[in-house]
Amino acid sequence: MKKSVIVGMICMFVVAGMSNLYAQQNRGQRGQRSEQCRKGMRCNLSDAQKEQMKEARTKYAKQTLDIKNELNELQAKQQTLVSAEKPNQSQVYANIDKMTALKKELHLQKLDMRMEMRSFLTEEQLLRADARPNHRMGMKQGRGGKKGMAQGRMHGKHGHGQMQAKRGMGAQKGMQAGKGNMLDLSDDQQAKMKELRLAHMKDTKSLRDEAEELRLKQRNLMTDENPDKKVLIANVNRLADIQNTLAKKKYEHQMEVREILDEDQLVIFMSRACKGKGFHRGHGRW
């Protein structure tokens, strides 16, 4: 009896070990395929096309380097302006306007790069690229590409509705860490905080919905046989306007929240608000 139990346990360990080995091999193969696609090896790109893609990415990087550096400086300035004891609204808004202009310019530059890359592809390659939105022409770069793949898997496994629900719950729970109240709010403060948060979400809902529709429209337009650049640019301009308005409304919301916090709570709140943690992070998303 004991011998049979031991033999059974050994078999279980062997099976578990083999399953783990197969899983590791599959992950390695998926990673290899992903790397191959990134380099154009499985996307049927010719050597000439690979070189053209590389040149387009390099040109984009050079053209946007100064813009990105300036944007980083403005973002750091924004933290300083917002965390001041008495923020100057006109200065904050002017800084938001500058950041919006730079973000729009980056988006337009990226649009030009993508359209240029599409011009290098054959009709068959375009069809394949458009059929695989998470692997567009092997153009995903760095963490952004990995994030897109992860989101795609989550949408497929759990459904888009559940992901949207989780995102909404995350925004509502941004003021809390675990089960504890990060700011140590009183019951009255929590009630006021909830009221302000709900009012802010209602006030910005139509803008956030429109922004999401514009992003979807932009992706669909890019898969047209002959994308209308004028419409694409118009979408970028409108999206920039929406993000600008949302950024200013976010600042106004933060100022309202500050009114109900004491000095110690305010320090914690601003340290997180300036980093974009837990306070409606999606508002700045392009």
C-alpha atoms as a PDB file:
ATOM      1  CA  MET A   1       0.000   0.000   0.000  1.00  0.00           C
ATOM      2  CA  LYS A   2       2.718   2.458   0.964  1.00  0.00           C
ATOM      3  CA  LYS A   3       4.705   1.511  -2.129  1.00  0.00           C
ATOM      4  CA  SER A   4       1.736   2.250  -4.406  1.00  0.00           C
ATOM      5  CA  VAL A   5       1.216   5.637  -2.732  1.00  0.00           C
ATOM      6  CA  ILE A   6       4.888   6.529  -3.197  1.00  0.00           C
ATOM      7  CA  VAL A   7       4.818   5.396  -6.828  1.00  0.00           C
ATOM      8  CA  GLY A   8       1.703   7.494  -7.384  1.00  0.00           C
ATOM      9  CA  MET A   9       3.343  10.573  -5.879  1.00  0.00           C
ATOM     10  CA  ILE A  10       6.416  10.101  -8.039  1.00  0.00           C
ATOM     11  CA  CYS A  11       4.246   9.883 -11.143  1.00  0.00           C
ATOM     12  CA  MET A  12       2.487  13.107 -10.141  1.00  0.00           C
ATOM     13  CA  PHE A  13       5.802  14.922  -9.737  1.00  0.00           C
ATOM     14  CA  VAL A  14       7.018  13.622 -13.113  1.00  0.00           C
ATOM     15  CA  VAL A  15       3.849  14.723 -14.884  1.00  0.00           C
ATOM     16  CA  ALA A  16       3.961  18.138 -13.203  1.00  0.00           C
ATOM     17  CA  GLY A  17       7.595  18.557 -14.168  1.00  0.00           C
ATOM     18  CA  MET A  18       6.934  17.628 -17.785  1.00  0.00           C
ATOM     19  CA  SER A  19       3.966  20.021 -17.948  1.00  0.00           C
ATOM     20  CA  ASN A  20       6.121  22.825 -16.600  1.00  0.00           C
ATOM     21  CA  LEU A  21       8.840  22.002 -19.138  1.00  0.00           C
ATOM     22  CA  TYR A  22       6.361  22.061 -22.022  1.00  0.00           C
ATOM     23  CA  ALA A  23       4.942  25.360 -20.775  1.00  0.00           C
ATOM     24  CA  GLN A  24       8.420  26.884 -20.647  1.00  0.00           C
ATOM     25  CA  GLN A  25       9.173  25.609 -24.155  1.00  0.00           C
ATOM     26  CA  ASN A  26       5.912  27.068 -25.482  1.00  0.00           C
ATOM     27  CA  ARG A  27       6.654  30.422 -23.850  1.00  0.00           C
ATOM     28  CA  GLY A  28      10.099  30.370 -25.395  1.00  0.00           C
ATOM     29  CA  GLN A  29       8.685  29.582 -28.819  1.00  0.00           C
ATOM     30  CA  ARG A  30       6.109  32.374 -28.509  1.00  0.00           C
ATOM     31  CA  GLY A  31       8.833  34.784 -27.478  1.00  0.00           C
ATOM     32  CA  GLN A  32      10.969  33.694 -30.428  1.00  0.00           C
ATOM     33  CA  ARG A  33       8.062  34.149 -32.842  1.00  0.00           C
ATOM     34  CA  SER A  34       7.343  37.581 -31.376  1.00  0.00           C
ATOM     35  CA  GLU A  35      10.985  38.590 -31.786  1.00  0.00           C
ATOM     36  CA  GLN A  36      10.999  37.265 -35.335  1.00  0.00           C
ATOM     37  CA  CYS A  37       7.885  39.253 -36.201  1.00  0.00           C
ATOM     38  CA  ARG A  38       9.368  42.380 -34.621  1.00  0.00           C
ATOM     39  CA  LYS A  39      12.362  42.050 -36.925  1.00  0.00           C
ATOM     40  CA  GLY A  40      10.180  41.385 -39.939  1.00  0.00           C
ATOM     41  CA  MET A  41      11.406  37.778 -40.338  1.00  0.00           C
ATOM     42  CA  ARG A  42       7.879  36.282 -40.187  1.00  0.00           C
ATOM     43  CA  CYS A  43       6.129  39.282 -41.729  1.00  0.00           C
ATOM     44  CA  ASN A  44       7.518  38.497 -45.163  1.00  0.00           C
ATOM     45  CA  LEU A  45       9.429  41.766 -45.382  1.00  0.00           C
ATOM     46  CA  SER A  46      12.195  41.918 -47.923  1.00  0.00           C
ATOM     47  CA  ASP A  47      15.632  43.163 -46.924  1.00  0.00           C
ATOM     48  CA  ALA A  48      14.889  46.421 -48.726  1.00  0.00           C
ATOM     49  CA  GLN A  49      11.633  46.851 -46.789  1.00  0.00           C
ATOM     50  CA  LYS A  50      13.369  46.165 -43.470  1.00  0.00           C
ATOM     51  CA  GLU A  51      15.888  48.873 -44.280  1.00  0.00           C
ATOM     52  CA  GLN A  52      13.104  51.292 -45.235  1.00  0.00           C
ATOM     53  CA  MET A  53      11.308  50.578 -41.935  1.00  0.00           C
ATOM     54  CA  LYS A  54      14.499  51.181 -40.001  1.00  0.00           C
ATOM     55  CA  GLU A  55      15.135  54.469 -41.790  1.00  0.00           C
ATOM     56  CA  ALA A  56      11.569  55.651 -41.096  1.00  0.00           C
ATOM     57  CA  ARG A  57      11.875  54.851 -37.369  1.00  0.00           C
ATOM     58  CA  THR A  58      15.268  56.554 -37.187  1.00  0.00           C
ATOM     59  CA  LYS A  59      13.925  59.669 -38.923  1.00  0.00           C
ATOM     60  CA  TYR A  60      10.989  59.790 -36.496  1.00  0.00           C
ATOM     61  CA  ALA A  61      13.296  59.421 -33.502  1.00  0.00           C
ATOM     62  CA  LYS A  62      15.510  62.283 -34.684  1.00  0.00           C
ATOM     63  CA  GLN A  63      12.597  64.571 -35.511  1.00  0.00           C
ATOM     64  CA  THR A  64      10.892  64.048 -32.154  1.00  0.00           C
ATOM     65  CA  LEU A  65      13.871  63.977 -29.780  1.00  0.00           C
ATOM     66  CA  ASP A  66      13.795  67.706 -28.995  1.00  0.00           C
ATOM     67  CA  ILE A  67      10.001  67.661 -28.710  1.00  0.00           C
ATOM     68  CA  LYS A  68      10.106  64.810 -26.193  1.00  0.00           C
ATOM     69  CA  ASN A  69      12.817  66.539 -24.163  1.00  0.00           C
ATOM     70  CA  GLU A  70      10.793  69.760 -24.030  1.00  0.00           C
ATOM     71  CA  LEU A  71       7.680  67.819 -23.078  1.00  0.00           C
ATOM     72  CA  ASN A  72       9.522  66.171 -20.193  1.00  0.00           C
ATOM     73  CA  GLU A  73      10.610  69.591 -18.964  1.00  0.00           C
ATOM     74  CA  LEU A  74       7.050  70.909 -19.128  1.00  0.00           C
ATOM     75  CA  GLN A  75       5.741  67.880 -17.246  1.00  0.00           C
ATOM     76  CA  ALA A  76       8.273  68.493 -14.486  1.00  0.00           C
ATOM     77  CA  LYS A  77       7.227  72.154 -14.425  1.00  0.00           C
ATOM     78  CA  GLN A  78       3.591  71.095 -14.169  1.00  0.00           C
ATOM     79  CA  GLN A  79       4.347  69.114 -11.022  1.00  0.00           C
ATOM     80  CA  THR A  80       5.964  72.178  -9.492  1.00  0.00           C
ATOM     81  CA  LEU A  81       3.069  74.463 -10.455  1.00  0.00           C
ATOM     82  CA  VAL A  82       0.338  72.130  -9.215  1.00  0.00           C
ATOM     83  CA  SER A  83       2.055  71.267  -5.931  1.00  0.00           C
ATOM     84  CA  ALA A  84       2.572  74.927  -4.993  1.00  0.00           C
ATOM     85  CA  GLU A  85       0.928  76.146  -1.802  1.00  0.00           C
ATOM     86  CA  LYS A  86      -1.259  78.471  -3.869  1.00  0.00           C
ATOM     87  CA  PRO A  87      -1.196  77.308  -7.513  1.00  0.00           C
ATOM     88  CA  ASN A  88      -1.497  79.961 -10.198  1.00  0.00           C
ATOM     89  CA  GLN A  89      -4.300  78.766 -12.456  1.00  0.00           C
ATOM     90  CA  SER A  90      -3.289  80.860 -15.465  1.00  0.00           C
ATOM     91  CA  GLN A  91       0.247  79.446 -15.337  1.00  0.00           C
ATOM     92  CA  VAL A  92      -1.048  75.904 -14.948  1.00  0.00           C
ATOM     93  CA  TYR A  93      -3.410  76.295 -17.916  1.00  0.00           C
ATOM     94  CA  ALA A  94      -0.692  77.883 -20.073  1.00  0.00           C
ATOM     95  CA  ASN A  95       1.607  74.971 -19.305  1.00  0.00           C
ATOM     96  CA  ILE A  96      -1.141  72.489 -20.157  1.00  0.00           C
ATOM     97  CA  ASP A  97      -1.636  74.252 -23.493  1.00  0.00           C
ATOM     98  CA  LYS A  98       2.074  73.931 -24.282  1.00  0.00           C
ATOM     99  CA  MET A  99       2.112  70.230 -23.370  1.00  0.00           C
ATOM    100  CA  THR A 100      -0.984  69.613 -25.490  1.00  0.00           C
ATOM    101  CA  ALA A 101       0.638  71.257 -28.502  1.00  0.00           C
ATOM    102  CA  LEU A 102       3.770  69.115 -28.149  1.00  0.00           C
ATOM    103  CA  LYS A 103       1.785  65.899 -27.672  1.00  0.00           C
ATOM    104  CA  LYS A 104      -0.243  66.712 -30.765  1.00  0.00           C
ATOM    105  CA  GLU A 105       2.933  67.327 -32.751  1.00  0.00           C
ATOM    106  CA  LEU A 106       4.318  63.963 -31.604  1.00  0.00           C
ATOM    107  CA  HIS A 107       1.108  62.254 -32.625  1.00  0.00           C
ATOM    108  CA  LEU A 108       1.167  63.878 -36.068  1.00  0.00           C
ATOM    109  CA  GLN A 109       4.806  62.891 -36.545  1.00  0.00           C
ATOM    110  CA  LYS A 110       3.945  59.304 -35.612  1.00  0.00           C
ATOM    111  CA  LEU A 111       1.037  59.382 -38.037  1.00  0.00           C
ATOM    112  CA  ASP A 112       3.400  60.430 -40.837  1.00  0.00           C
ATOM    113  CA  MET A 113       5.799  57.633 -39.902  1.00  0.00           C
ATOM    114  CA  ARG A 114       3.085  54.987 -39.940  1.00  0.00           C
ATOM    115  CA  MET A 115       1.699  56.123 -43.269  1.00  0.00           C
ATOM    116  CA  GLU A 116       5.197  56.141 -44.714  1.00  0.00           C
ATOM    117  CA  MET A 117       5.750  52.593 -43.447  1.00  0.00           C
ATOM    118  CA  ARG A 118       2.483  51.453 -44.983  1.00  0.00           C
ATOM    119  CA  SER A 119       3.611  52.835 -48.337  1.00  0.00           C
ATOM    120  CA  PHE A 120       6.482  50.336 -48.302  1.00  0.00           C
ATOM    121  CA  LEU A 121       4.148  47.330 -48.092  1.00  0.00           C
ATOM    122  CA  THR A 122       2.442  45.305 -50.785  1.00  0.00           C
ATOM    123  CA  GLU A 123      -1.323  44.817 -50.817  1.00  0.00           C
ATOM    124  CA  GLU A 124      -0.971  41.345 -49.292  1.00  0.00           C
ATOM    125  CA  GLN A 125       1.321  42.617 -46.529  1.00  0.00           C
ATOM    126  CA  LEU A 126      -1.120  45.421 -45.708  1.00  0.00           C
ATOM    127  CA  LEU A 127      -3.978  42.929 -45.419  1.00  0.00           C
ATOM    128  CA  ARG A 128      -1.919  40.787 -43.062  1.00  0.00           C
ATOM    129  CA  ALA A 129      -0.824  43.776 -41.010  1.00  0.00           C
ATOM    130  CA  ASP A 130      -4.363  45.121 -40.667  1.00  0.00           C
ATOM    131  CA  ALA A 131      -5.674  41.683 -39.701  1.00  0.00           C
ATOM    132  CA  ARG A 132      -3.231  41.550 -36.764  1.00  0.00           C
ATOM    133  CA  PRO A 133      -3.653  44.892 -34.937  1.00  0.00           C
ATOM    134  CA  ASN A 134      -1.402  43.884 -32.036  1.00  0.00           C
ATOM    135  CA  HIS A 135       1.473  43.087 -34.400  1.00  0.00           C
ATOM    136  CA  ARG A 136       1.278  45.962 -36.878  1.00  0.00           C
ATOM    137  CA  MET A 137       4.074  45.423 -39.384  1.00  0.00           C
ATOM    138  CA  GLY A 138       6.462  44.517 -36.615  1.00  0.00           C
ATOM    139  CA  MET A 139       6.427  48.164 -35.564  1.00  0.00           C
ATOM    140  CA  LYS A 140       5.631  47.672 -31.874  1.00  0.00           C
ATOM    141  CA  GLN A 141       8.485  49.006 -29.811  1.00  0.00           C
ATOM    142  CA  GLY A 142       9.598  48.473 -26.230  1.00  0.00           C
ATOM    143  CA  ARG A 143       7.102  48.143 -23.427  1.00  0.00           C
ATOM    144  CA  GLY A 144       4.272  49.651 -25.449  1.00  0.00           C
ATOM    145  CA  GLY A 145       4.167  46.599 -27.735  1.00  0.00           C
ATOM    146  CA  LYS A 146       4.219  44.168 -24.830  1.00  0.00           C
ATOM    147  CA  LYS A 147       1.465  46.097 -23.112  1.00  0.00           C
ATOM    148  CA  GLY A 148      -0.668  45.954 -26.255  1.00  0.00           C
ATOM    149  CA  MET A 149      -0.205  42.196 -26.501  1.00  0.00           C
ATOM    150  CA  ALA A 150      -1.113  41.739 -22.830  1.00  0.00           C
ATOM    151  CA  GLN A 151      -4.245  43.836 -23.228  1.00  0.00           C
ATOM    152  CA  GLY A 152      -5.217  41.839 -26.298  1.00  0.00           C
ATOM    153  CA  ARG A 153      -4.900  38.577 -24.379  1.00  0.00           C
ATOM    154  CA  MET A 154      -6.924  39.949 -21.475  1.00  0.00           C
ATOM    155  CA  HIS A 155      -9.679  41.177 -23.800  1.00  0.00           C
ATOM    156  CA  GLY A 156      -9.841  37.774 -25.430  1.00  0.00           C
ATOM    157  CA  LYS A 157      -9.893  35.874 -22.152  1.00  0.00           C
ATOM    158  CA  HIS A 158     -12.192  37.974 -20.006  1.00  0.00           C
ATOM    159  CA  GLY A 159     -14.022  40.199 -22.461  1.00  0.00           C
ATOM    160  CA  HIS A 160     -13.849  43.920 -23.154  1.00  0.00           C
ATOM    161  CA  GLY A 161     -16.712  44.702 -20.771  1.00  0.00           C
ATOM    162  CA  GLN A 162     -14.945  43.163 -17.785  1.00  0.00           C
ATOM    163  CA  MET A 163     -11.750  45.049 -18.565  1.00  0.00           C
ATOM    164  CA  GLN A 164     -13.670  48.333 -18.730  1.00  0.00           C
ATOM    165  CA  ALA A 165     -15.340  47.526 -15.424  1.00  0.00           C
ATOM    166  CA  LYS A 166     -12.025  46.756 -13.775  1.00  0.00           C
ATOM    167  CA  ARG A 167     -10.574  50.006 -15.095  1.00  0.00           C
ATOM    168  CA  GLY A 168     -13.487  51.942 -13.616  1.00  0.00           C
ATOM    169  CA  MET A 169     -13.114  50.188 -10.277  1.00  0.00           C
ATOM    170  CA  GLY A 170      -9.414  51.010 -10.286  1.00  0.00           C
ATOM    171  CA  ALA A 171     -10.165  54.699 -10.721  1.00  0.00           C
ATOM    172  CA  GLN A 172     -12.658  54.669  -7.866  1.00  0.00           C
ATOM    173  CA  LYS A 173     -10.228  52.869  -5.563  1.00  0.00           C
ATOM    174  CA  GLY A 174      -7.302  55.088  -6.439  1.00  0.00           C
ATOM    175  CA  MET A 175      -7.533  56.864  -3.098  1.00  0.00           C
ATOM    176  CA  GLN A 176      -7.023  53.657  -1.162  1.00  0.00           C
ATOM    177  CA  ALA A 177      -4.070  51.349  -0.573  1.00  0.00           C
ATOM    178  CA  GLY A 178      -5.171  47.808   0.121  1.00  0.00           C
ATOM    179  CA  LYS A 179      -7.919  47.925   2.721  1.00  0.00           C
ATOM    180  CA  GLY A 180      -6.508  50.948   4.477  1.00  0.00           C
ATOM    181  CA  ASN A 181      -7.312  54.575   3.829  1.00  0.00           C
ATOM    182  CA  MET A 182      -4.095  56.113   2.526  1.00  0.00           C
ATOM    183  CA  LEU A 183      -5.035  59.643   3.481  1.00  0.00           C
ATOM    184  CA  ASP A 184      -6.618  58.612   6.775  1.00  0.00           C
ATOM    185  CA  LEU A 185      -9.783  60.439   5.820  1.00  0.00           C
ATOM    186  CA  SER A 186     -12.579  60.977   8.291  1.00  0.00           C
ATOM    187  CA  ASP A 187     -16.040  59.652   7.443  1.00  0.00           C
ATOM    188  CA  ASP A 188     -17.127  63.150   6.477  1.00  0.00           C
ATOM    189  CA  GLN A 189     -14.056  63.603   4.258  1.00  0.00           C
ATOM    190  CA  GLN A 190     -14.635  60.254   2.569  1.00  0.00           C
ATOM    191  CA  ALA A 191     -18.221  61.205   1.796  1.00  0.00           C
ATOM    192  CA  LYS A 192     -17.114  64.542   0.311  1.00  0.00           C
ATOM    193  CA  MET A 193     -14.305  62.854  -1.625  1.00  0.00           C
ATOM    194  CA  LYS A 194     -16.726  60.347  -3.128  1.00  0.00           C
ATOM    195  CA  GLU A 195     -19.133  63.132  -4.055  1.00  0.00           C
ATOM    196  CA  LEU A 196     -16.366  65.124  -5.781  1.00  0.00           C
ATOM    197  CA  ARG A 197     -15.053  62.059  -7.608  1.00  0.00           C
ATOM    198  CA  LEU A 198     -18.488  61.075  -8.930  1.00  0.00           C
ATOM    199  CA  ALA A 199     -19.219  64.648  -9.993  1.00  0.00           C
ATOM    200  CA  HIS A 200     -15.902  64.787 -11.836  1.00  0.00           C
ATOM    201  CA  MET A 201     -16.476  61.464 -13.590  1.00  0.00           C
ATOM    202  CA  LYS A 202     -19.969  62.552 -14.688  1.00  0.00           C
ATOM    203  CA  ASP A 203     -18.664  65.913 -15.864  1.00  0.00           C
ATOM    204  CA  THR A 204     -15.980  64.319 -18.041  1.00  0.00           C
ATOM    205  CA  LYS A 205     -17.817  61.203 -19.231  1.00  0.00           C
ATOM    206  CA  SER A 206     -18.966  62.582 -22.576  1.00  0.00           C
ATOM    207  CA  LEU A 207     -15.451  63.824 -23.373  1.00  0.00           C
ATOM    208  CA  ARG A 208     -13.865  60.519 -22.397  1.00  0.00           C
ATOM    209  CA  ASP A 209     -16.385  58.608 -24.488  1.00  0.00           C
ATOM    210  CA  GLU A 210     -15.751  60.843 -27.492  1.00  0.00           C
ATOM    211  CA  ALA A 211     -11.997  60.400 -27.098  1.00  0.00           C
ATOM    212  CA  GLU A 212     -12.398  56.609 -27.082  1.00  0.00           C
ATOM    213  CA  GLU A 213     -14.542  56.784 -30.222  1.00  0.00           C
ATOM    214  CA  LEU A 214     -11.910  58.929 -31.939  1.00  0.00           C
ATOM    215  CA  ARG A 215      -9.160  56.424 -31.095  1.00  0.00           C
ATOM    216  CA  LEU A 216     -11.243  53.588 -32.545  1.00  0.00           C
ATOM    217  CA  LYS A 217     -12.077  55.647 -35.629  1.00  0.00           C
ATOM    218  CA  GLN A 218      -8.400  56.461 -36.088  1.00  0.00           C
ATOM    219  CA  ARG A 219      -7.422  52.789 -35.976  1.00  0.00           C
ATOM    220  CA  ASN A 220     -10.132  51.891 -38.471  1.00  0.00           C
ATOM    221  CA  LEU A 221      -9.183  54.696 -40.847  1.00  0.00           C
ATOM    222  CA  MET A 222      -5.574  53.525 -40.860  1.00  0.00           C
ATOM    223  CA  THR A 223      -6.695  50.176 -42.295  1.00  0.00           C
ATOM    224  CA  ASP A 224      -8.368  51.776 -45.317  1.00  0.00           C
ATOM    225  CA  GLU A 225      -6.795  51.105 -48.679  1.00  0.00           C
ATOM    226  CA  ASN A 226      -6.137  54.833 -49.063  1.00  0.00           C
ATOM    227  CA  PRO A 227      -6.321  56.457 -45.607  1.00  0.00           C
ATOM    228  CA  ASP A 228      -7.670  60.011 -45.729  1.00  0.00           C
ATOM    229  CA  LYS A 229      -4.902  62.012 -44.095  1.00  0.00           C
ATOM    230  CA  LYS A 230      -7.090  65.105 -43.705  1.00  0.00           C
ATOM    231  CA  VAL A 231      -9.594  63.146 -41.639  1.00  0.00           C
ATOM    232  CA  LEU A 232      -6.803  61.532 -39.621  1.00  0.00           C
ATOM    233  CA  ILE A 233      -5.303  64.935 -38.836  1.00  0.00           C
ATOM    234  CA  ALA A 234      -8.742  66.312 -37.940  1.00  0.00           C
ATOM    235  CA  ASN A 235      -9.152  63.433 -35.475  1.00  0.00           C
ATOM    236  CA  VAL A 236      -5.773  64.194 -33.930  1.00  0.00           C
ATOM    237  CA  ASN A 237      -6.703  67.862 -33.547  1.00  0.00           C
ATOM    238  CA  ARG A 238     -10.033  67.049 -31.916  1.00  0.00           C
ATOM    239  CA  LEU A 239      -8.438  64.498 -29.615  1.00  0.00           C
ATOM    240  CA  ALA A 240      -5.877  67.105 -28.585  1.00  0.00           C
ATOM    241  CA  ASP A 241      -8.660  69.544 -27.722  1.00  0.00           C
ATOM    242  CA  ILE A 242     -10.399  66.903 -25.614  1.00  0.00           C
ATOM    243  CA  GLN A 243      -7.225  65.959 -23.753  1.00  0.00           C
ATOM    244  CA  ASN A 244      -6.515  69.629 -23.107  1.00  0.00           C
ATOM    245  CA  THR A 245      -9.976  70.130 -21.603  1.00  0.00           C
ATOM    246  CA  LEU A 246      -9.702  66.952 -19.520  1.00  0.00           C
ATOM    247  CA  ALA A 247      -6.313  68.009 -18.160  1.00  0.00           C
ATOM    248  CA  LYS A 248      -7.737  71.335 -17.016  1.00  0.00           C
ATOM    249  CA  LYS A 249     -10.796  69.682 -15.495  1.00  0.00           C
ATOM    250  CA  LYS A 250      -8.497  67.285 -13.667  1.00  0.00           C
ATOM    251  CA  TYR A 251      -6.615  70.251 -12.207  1.00  0.00           C
ATOM    252  CA  GLU A 252      -9.899  71.861 -11.126  1.00  0.00           C
ATOM    253  CA  HIS A 253     -10.922  68.577  -9.488  1.00  0.00           C
ATOM    254  CA  GLN A 254      -7.621  68.416  -7.619  1.00  0.00           C
ATOM    255  CA  MET A 255      -8.141  71.942  -6.333  1.00  0.00           C
ATOM    256  CA  GLU A 256     -11.583  70.962  -5.027  1.00  0.00           C
ATOM    257  CA  VAL A 257     -10.124  67.929  -3.291  1.00  0.00           C
ATOM    258  CA  ARG A 258      -7.428  70.042  -1.676  1.00  0.00           C
ATOM    259  CA  GLU A 259     -10.093  72.121   0.032  1.00  0.00           C
ATOM    260  CA  ILE A 260     -11.232  69.198   2.186  1.00  0.00           C
ATOM    261  CA  LEU A 261      -7.753  67.961   3.199  1.00  0.00           C
ATOM    262  CA  ASP A 262      -5.624  68.998   6.140  1.00  0.00           C
ATOM    263  CA  GLU A 263      -1.944  69.886   5.753  1.00  0.00           C
ATOM    264  CA  ASP A 264      -0.560  66.361   6.220  1.00  0.00           C
ATOM    265  CA  GLN A 265      -3.170  64.795   3.953  1.00  0.00           C
ATOM    266  CA  LEU A 266      -2.449  67.390   1.301  1.00  0.00           C
ATOM    267  CA  VAL A 267       1.231  66.425   1.183  1.00  0.00           C
ATOM    268  CA  ILE A 268       0.346  62.773   0.516  1.00  0.00           C
ATOM    269  CA  PHE A 269      -2.348  63.686  -2.004  1.00  0.00           C
ATOM    270  CA  MET A 270      -0.075  65.962  -4.024  1.00  0.00           C
ATOM    271  CA  SER A 271       2.798  63.468  -4.015  1.00  0.00           C
ATOM    272  CA  ARG A 272       0.513  60.983  -5.740  1.00  0.00           C
ATOM    273  CA  ALA A 273      -1.419  63.423  -7.895  1.00  0.00           C
ATOM    274  CA  CYS A 274       1.785  64.805  -9.406  1.00  0.00           C
ATOM    275  CA  LYS A 275       2.857  61.279 -10.341  1.00  0.00           C
ATOM    276  CA  GLY A 276      -0.543  60.491 -11.836  1.00  0.00           C
ATOM    277  CA  LYS A 277      -1.207  57.603  -9.443  1.00  0.00           C
ATOM    278  CA  GLY A 278      -4.795  56.763  -8.737  1.00  0.00           C
ATOM    279  CA  PHE A 279      -6.310  60.024  -9.933  1.00  0.00           C
ATOM    280  CA  HIS A 280      -7.991  59.339 -13.290  1.00  0.00           C
ATOM    281  CA  ARG A 281      -4.821  58.421 -15.161  1.00  0.00           C
ATOM    282  CA  GLY A 282      -6.693  57.700 -18.364  1.00  0.00           C
ATOM    283  CA  HIS A 283      -7.384  61.375 -19.044  1.00  0.00           C
ATOM    284  CA  GLY A 284      -4.007  61.939 -20.645  1.00  0.00           C
ATOM    285  CA  ARG A 285      -4.089  58.866 -22.857  1.00  0.00           C
ATOM    286  CA  TRP A 286      -3.730  59.248 -26.609  1.00  0.00           C
END
